[in-house]
Amino acid sequence: MANKNNQELAVVKGAIPKSLKLQFKVLCVQKELQMSAVLEDLIRQWIQAGAPIPEFYDDLLNEESEDIKGYISKSLKLRFKILCTHKRLKIRFVLYALIQEWVDTVLRQCGCKT
């Protein structure tokens, strides 16, 4: 599979709380964004920021999880995987933190959450 820039795509996936996945999907639809494109941007920004270790969120362990997946460039997935391995982070943990931060930011911007 390839994207519009003819880059080979790979699947990135992880388990996140069901409620967060639903919020993410709804916000992407409302903003007319593709979930894969948002995930790719979030991962790219995380890498460019020096791959900071995300804060730990208790609800990751306390809520029922569901898989989330996105299609990103193969080269980006490789960099993401290498950084997660180097920092001893699970990909699902980083995806969860990135998505949670994005959802919180979008909700704050619309005045839906303080």
N, C-alpha and C. Protein backbone atom coordinates (compact mmCIF):
# COMPACT_ATOMS: atom_id res chain seq x y z
N MET A 1 0.85 -1.17 0.00
CA MET A 1 0.00 0.00 0.00
C MET A 1 0.90 1.23 0.00
N ALA A 2 0.48 2.27 -0.72
CA ALA A 2 1.24 3.51 -0.79
C ALA A 2 0.30 4.70 -0.61
N ASN A 3 0.86 5.82 -0.15
CA ASN A 3 0.05 7.03 0.01
C ASN A 3 0.14 7.89 -1.24
N LYS A 4 -0.45 9.10 -1.17
CA LYS A 4 -0.49 9.96 -2.35
C LYS A 4 0.89 10.42 -2.79
N ASN A 5 1.89 10.39 -1.88
CA ASN A 5 3.26 10.76 -2.23
C ASN A 5 4.08 9.56 -2.65
N ASN A 6 3.40 8.44 -2.90
CA ASN A 6 4.02 7.20 -3.34
C ASN A 6 4.96 6.60 -2.30
N GLN A 7 4.76 6.95 -1.03
CA GLN A 7 5.54 6.35 0.04
C GLN A 7 4.88 5.05 0.45
N GLU A 8 5.70 4.04 0.71
CA GLU A 8 5.16 2.77 1.18
C GLU A 8 4.63 2.96 2.60
N LEU A 9 3.44 2.42 2.87
CA LEU A 9 2.80 2.57 4.17
C LEU A 9 2.94 1.31 5.01
N ALA A 10 2.92 1.51 6.31
CA ALA A 10 2.95 0.40 7.26
C ALA A 10 1.90 0.69 8.33
N VAL A 11 1.43 -0.35 8.97
CA VAL A 11 0.42 -0.20 10.02
C VAL A 11 1.13 0.03 11.35
N VAL A 12 0.63 1.02 12.08
CA VAL A 12 1.04 1.22 13.46
C VAL A 12 -0.20 1.03 14.29
N LYS A 13 -0.08 0.23 15.35
CA LYS A 13 -1.28 -0.03 16.15
C LYS A 13 -0.91 -0.24 17.60
N GLY A 14 -1.93 -0.05 18.42
CA GLY A 14 -1.78 -0.27 19.85
C GLY A 14 -3.15 -0.25 20.49
N ALA A 15 -3.21 -0.71 21.72
CA ALA A 15 -4.47 -0.73 22.45
C ALA A 15 -4.57 0.52 23.31
N ILE A 16 -5.71 1.19 23.23
CA ILE A 16 -5.98 2.37 24.06
C ILE A 16 -7.37 2.20 24.65
N PRO A 17 -7.69 2.96 25.70
CA PRO A 17 -9.03 2.84 26.27
C PRO A 17 -10.12 3.09 25.23
N LYS A 18 -11.19 2.31 25.30
CA LYS A 18 -12.30 2.43 24.34
C LYS A 18 -12.86 3.85 24.30
N SER A 19 -13.00 4.47 25.45
CA SER A 19 -13.57 5.82 25.49
C SER A 19 -12.68 6.83 24.76
N LEU A 20 -11.37 6.67 24.87
CA LEU A 20 -10.45 7.57 24.18
C LEU A 20 -10.51 7.34 22.67
N LYS A 21 -10.59 6.07 22.27
CA LYS A 21 -10.69 5.77 20.85
C LYS A 21 -11.94 6.41 20.25
N LEU A 22 -13.05 6.32 20.96
CA LEU A 22 -14.29 6.92 20.49
C LEU A 22 -14.16 8.43 20.37
N GLN A 23 -13.60 9.07 21.39
CA GLN A 23 -13.40 10.53 21.35
C GLN A 23 -12.52 10.90 20.15
N PHE A 24 -11.44 10.16 19.96
CA PHE A 24 -10.51 10.43 18.87
C PHE A 24 -11.21 10.32 17.51
N LYS A 25 -11.98 9.25 17.33
CA LYS A 25 -12.70 9.06 16.06
C LYS A 25 -13.69 10.19 15.82
N VAL A 26 -14.46 10.54 16.85
CA VAL A 26 -15.48 11.58 16.71
C VAL A 26 -14.83 12.92 16.37
N LEU A 27 -13.76 13.27 17.07
CA LEU A 27 -13.09 14.55 16.81
C LEU A 27 -12.47 14.58 15.41
N CYS A 28 -11.93 13.47 14.97
CA CYS A 28 -11.37 13.42 13.62
C CYS A 28 -12.47 13.64 12.57
N VAL A 29 -13.62 13.00 12.77
CA VAL A 29 -14.74 13.17 11.84
C VAL A 29 -15.22 14.62 11.86
N GLN A 30 -15.38 15.19 13.06
CA GLN A 30 -15.85 16.58 13.17
C GLN A 30 -14.89 17.56 12.50
N LYS A 31 -13.59 17.28 12.58
CA LYS A 31 -12.59 18.17 12.01
C LYS A 31 -12.24 17.78 10.56
N GLU A 32 -12.94 16.75 10.05
CA GLU A 32 -12.72 16.25 8.70
C GLU A 32 -11.26 15.84 8.47
N LEU A 33 -10.74 15.09 9.45
CA LEU A 33 -9.37 14.60 9.41
C LEU A 33 -9.37 13.08 9.36
N GLN A 34 -8.39 12.52 8.69
CA GLN A 34 -8.21 11.07 8.68
C GLN A 34 -7.42 10.69 9.93
N MET A 35 -7.86 9.66 10.64
CA MET A 35 -7.17 9.23 11.85
C MET A 35 -5.70 8.90 11.56
N SER A 36 -5.44 8.25 10.45
CA SER A 36 -4.06 7.90 10.09
C SER A 36 -3.20 9.15 9.92
N ALA A 37 -3.76 10.18 9.30
CA ALA A 37 -3.00 11.42 9.10
C ALA A 37 -2.69 12.09 10.43
N VAL A 38 -3.65 12.08 11.34
CA VAL A 38 -3.42 12.67 12.67
C VAL A 38 -2.35 11.86 13.40
N LEU A 39 -2.45 10.54 13.37
CA LEU A 39 -1.44 9.70 14.03
C LEU A 39 -0.06 9.95 13.45
N GLU A 40 0.02 10.05 12.13
CA GLU A 40 1.32 10.29 11.49
C GLU A 40 1.90 11.63 11.95
N ASP A 41 1.06 12.66 11.99
CA ASP A 41 1.53 13.98 12.45
C ASP A 41 1.98 13.93 13.91
N LEU A 42 1.20 13.26 14.75
CA LEU A 42 1.55 13.17 16.17
C LEU A 42 2.87 12.44 16.38
N ILE A 43 3.07 11.35 15.67
CA ILE A 43 4.31 10.59 15.78
C ILE A 43 5.49 11.41 15.28
N ARG A 44 5.30 12.07 14.15
CA ARG A 44 6.37 12.91 13.59
C ARG A 44 6.74 14.03 14.58
N GLN A 45 5.75 14.68 15.17
CA GLN A 45 6.02 15.75 16.14
C GLN A 45 6.73 15.21 17.37
N TRP A 46 6.34 14.03 17.82
CA TRP A 46 6.97 13.40 18.97
C TRP A 46 8.45 13.13 18.69
N ILE A 47 8.74 12.61 17.52
CA ILE A 47 10.13 12.33 17.13
C ILE A 47 10.92 13.64 17.04
N GLN A 48 10.33 14.66 16.41
CA GLN A 48 11.02 15.95 16.25
C GLN A 48 11.26 16.63 17.60
N ALA A 49 10.42 16.34 18.59
CA ALA A 49 10.58 16.92 19.93
C ALA A 49 11.62 16.16 20.76
N GLY A 50 12.25 15.18 20.16
CA GLY A 50 13.26 14.41 20.88
C GLY A 50 12.72 13.17 21.56
N ALA A 51 11.53 12.76 21.18
CA ALA A 51 10.89 11.55 21.71
C ALA A 51 10.82 11.57 23.24
N PRO A 52 10.18 12.61 23.79
CA PRO A 52 10.08 12.68 25.25
C PRO A 52 9.26 11.52 25.81
N ILE A 53 9.63 11.08 27.00
CA ILE A 53 8.88 9.99 27.64
C ILE A 53 7.59 10.57 28.17
N PRO A 54 6.45 10.05 27.70
CA PRO A 54 5.15 10.59 28.11
C PRO A 54 4.86 10.31 29.58
N GLU A 55 3.97 11.14 30.11
CA GLU A 55 3.49 10.92 31.47
C GLU A 55 2.68 9.63 31.50
N PHE A 56 2.63 9.02 32.66
CA PHE A 56 1.84 7.80 32.81
C PHE A 56 0.42 8.17 33.18
N TYR A 57 -0.54 7.55 32.52
CA TYR A 57 -1.95 7.78 32.79
C TYR A 57 -2.56 6.53 33.40
N ASP A 58 -3.17 6.69 34.57
CA ASP A 58 -3.76 5.55 35.27
C ASP A 58 -4.87 4.86 34.48
N ASP A 59 -5.66 5.64 33.73
CA ASP A 59 -6.80 5.02 33.06
C ASP A 59 -6.39 4.08 31.93
N LEU A 60 -5.13 4.11 31.54
CA LEU A 60 -4.67 3.15 30.54
C LEU A 60 -4.79 1.73 31.09
N LEU A 61 -4.57 1.60 32.37
CA LEU A 61 -4.65 0.27 33.00
C LEU A 61 -6.04 -0.05 33.52
N ASN A 62 -6.81 0.98 33.83
CA ASN A 62 -8.10 0.78 34.49
C ASN A 62 -9.28 0.60 33.54
N GLU A 63 -9.14 1.00 32.31
CA GLU A 63 -10.25 0.93 31.36
C GLU A 63 -10.07 -0.22 30.39
N GLU A 64 -11.20 -0.68 29.88
CA GLU A 64 -11.15 -1.70 28.83
C GLU A 64 -10.54 -1.07 27.58
N SER A 65 -9.63 -1.80 26.95
CA SER A 65 -8.91 -1.27 25.80
C SER A 65 -9.45 -1.81 24.49
N GLU A 66 -9.13 -1.09 23.44
CA GLU A 66 -9.50 -1.49 22.09
C GLU A 66 -8.35 -1.08 21.17
N ASP A 67 -8.10 -1.88 20.15
CA ASP A 67 -7.02 -1.56 19.22
C ASP A 67 -7.34 -0.33 18.39
N ILE A 68 -6.31 0.45 18.18
CA ILE A 68 -6.39 1.57 17.24
C ILE A 68 -5.25 1.37 16.26
N LYS A 69 -5.50 1.66 15.00
CA LYS A 69 -4.43 1.51 14.04
C LYS A 69 -4.49 2.63 13.03
N GLY A 70 -3.35 2.90 12.47
CA GLY A 70 -3.24 3.91 11.44
C GLY A 70 -2.20 3.48 10.44
N TYR A 71 -2.28 4.05 9.27
CA TYR A 71 -1.32 3.77 8.21
C TYR A 71 -0.41 4.98 8.08
N ILE A 72 0.87 4.73 8.33
CA ILE A 72 1.86 5.80 8.26
C ILE A 72 2.99 5.34 7.34
N SER A 73 3.86 6.27 6.97
CA SER A 73 4.95 5.88 6.09
C SER A 73 5.82 4.83 6.78
N LYS A 74 6.31 3.91 6.00
CA LYS A 74 7.11 2.81 6.52
C LYS A 74 8.36 3.34 7.23
N SER A 75 8.98 4.36 6.66
CA SER A 75 10.20 4.91 7.26
C SER A 75 9.90 5.57 8.61
N LEU A 76 8.74 6.23 8.73
CA LEU A 76 8.37 6.85 10.00
C LEU A 76 8.09 5.78 11.04
N LYS A 77 7.41 4.71 10.65
CA LYS A 77 7.14 3.63 11.59
C LYS A 77 8.44 3.03 12.10
N LEU A 78 9.41 2.86 11.22
CA LEU A 78 10.69 2.29 11.62
C LEU A 78 11.38 3.21 12.64
N ARG A 79 11.41 4.51 12.38
CA ARG A 79 12.03 5.45 13.33
C ARG A 79 11.29 5.41 14.67
N PHE A 80 9.95 5.38 14.60
CA PHE A 80 9.11 5.34 15.80
C PHE A 80 9.42 4.08 16.61
N LYS A 81 9.47 2.95 15.94
CA LYS A 81 9.73 1.68 16.61
C LYS A 81 11.12 1.66 17.25
N ILE A 82 12.11 2.16 16.54
CA ILE A 82 13.47 2.20 17.06
C ILE A 82 13.55 3.08 18.31
N LEU A 83 12.93 4.26 18.24
CA LEU A 83 12.95 5.16 19.40
C LEU A 83 12.23 4.55 20.59
N CYS A 84 11.09 3.95 20.35
CA CYS A 84 10.35 3.31 21.45
C CYS A 84 11.19 2.19 22.08
N THR A 85 11.84 1.40 21.25
CA THR A 85 12.68 0.32 21.75
C THR A 85 13.86 0.87 22.53
N HIS A 86 14.50 1.89 21.98
CA HIS A 86 15.66 2.51 22.64
C HIS A 86 15.28 3.08 24.00
N LYS A 87 14.11 3.69 24.09
CA LYS A 87 13.66 4.30 25.35
C LYS A 87 12.89 3.31 26.24
N ARG A 88 12.79 2.08 25.76
CA ARG A 88 12.08 1.02 26.49
C ARG A 88 10.62 1.39 26.76
N LEU A 89 9.99 1.92 25.73
CA LEU A 89 8.58 2.30 25.80
C LEU A 89 7.77 1.38 24.89
N LYS A 90 6.59 1.03 25.34
CA LYS A 90 5.69 0.27 24.47
C LYS A 90 5.03 1.23 23.50
N ILE A 91 4.93 0.82 22.24
CA ILE A 91 4.30 1.65 21.22
C ILE A 91 2.90 2.05 21.65
N ARG A 92 2.14 1.13 22.20
CA ARG A 92 0.76 1.44 22.61
C ARG A 92 0.73 2.53 23.67
N PHE A 93 1.73 2.54 24.56
CA PHE A 93 1.80 3.56 25.60
C PHE A 93 2.04 4.94 25.00
N VAL A 94 2.95 5.01 24.03
CA VAL A 94 3.24 6.29 23.38
C VAL A 94 2.03 6.75 22.56
N LEU A 95 1.43 5.85 21.81
CA LEU A 95 0.24 6.20 21.03
C LEU A 95 -0.86 6.72 21.95
N TYR A 96 -1.07 6.03 23.05
CA TYR A 96 -2.08 6.45 24.01
C TYR A 96 -1.82 7.88 24.50
N ALA A 97 -0.58 8.14 24.91
CA ALA A 97 -0.24 9.47 25.43
C ALA A 97 -0.40 10.55 24.36
N LEU A 98 0.03 10.26 23.14
CA LEU A 98 -0.08 11.24 22.05
C LEU A 98 -1.54 11.54 21.72
N ILE A 99 -2.35 10.49 21.63
CA ILE A 99 -3.77 10.66 21.31
C ILE A 99 -4.48 11.39 22.44
N GLN A 100 -4.19 11.01 23.69
CA GLN A 100 -4.83 11.67 24.84
C GLN A 100 -4.51 13.16 24.85
N GLU A 101 -3.26 13.50 24.60
CA GLU A 101 -2.86 14.91 24.58
C GLU A 101 -3.56 15.65 23.44
N TRP A 102 -3.67 15.02 22.27
CA TRP A 102 -4.32 15.66 21.12
C TRP A 102 -5.80 15.89 21.41
N VAL A 103 -6.47 14.86 21.94
CA VAL A 103 -7.90 14.98 22.27
C VAL A 103 -8.10 16.09 23.29
N ASP A 104 -7.29 16.11 24.34
CA ASP A 104 -7.41 17.15 25.37
C ASP A 104 -7.23 18.54 24.77
N THR A 105 -6.26 18.69 23.89
CA THR A 105 -5.99 19.99 23.24
C THR A 105 -7.17 20.42 22.38
N VAL A 106 -7.69 19.52 21.58
CA VAL A 106 -8.84 19.85 20.72
C VAL A 106 -10.05 20.23 21.56
N LEU A 107 -10.30 19.49 22.62
CA LEU A 107 -11.44 19.80 23.48
C LEU A 107 -11.28 21.13 24.18
N ARG A 108 -10.07 21.44 24.62
CA ARG A 108 -9.81 22.76 25.25
C ARG A 108 -10.04 23.90 24.24
N GLN A 109 -9.58 23.69 23.01
CA GLN A 109 -9.72 24.72 21.98
C GLN A 109 -11.18 25.03 21.67
N CYS A 110 -12.02 24.03 21.74
CA CYS A 110 -13.43 24.26 21.44
C CYS A 110 -14.21 24.67 22.70
N GLY A 111 -13.52 24.72 23.83
CA GLY A 111 -14.19 25.09 25.07
C GLY A 111 -15.03 23.98 25.65
N CYS A 112 -14.80 22.75 25.19
CA CYS A 112 -15.59 21.61 25.65
C CYS A 112 -15.05 21.00 26.93
N LYS A 113 -13.83 21.34 27.30
CA LYS A 113 -13.21 20.75 28.47
C LYS A 113 -12.21 21.75 29.04
N THR A 114 -12.15 21.83 30.34
CA THR A 114 -11.19 22.75 30.96
C THR A 114 -9.87 22.11 31.22
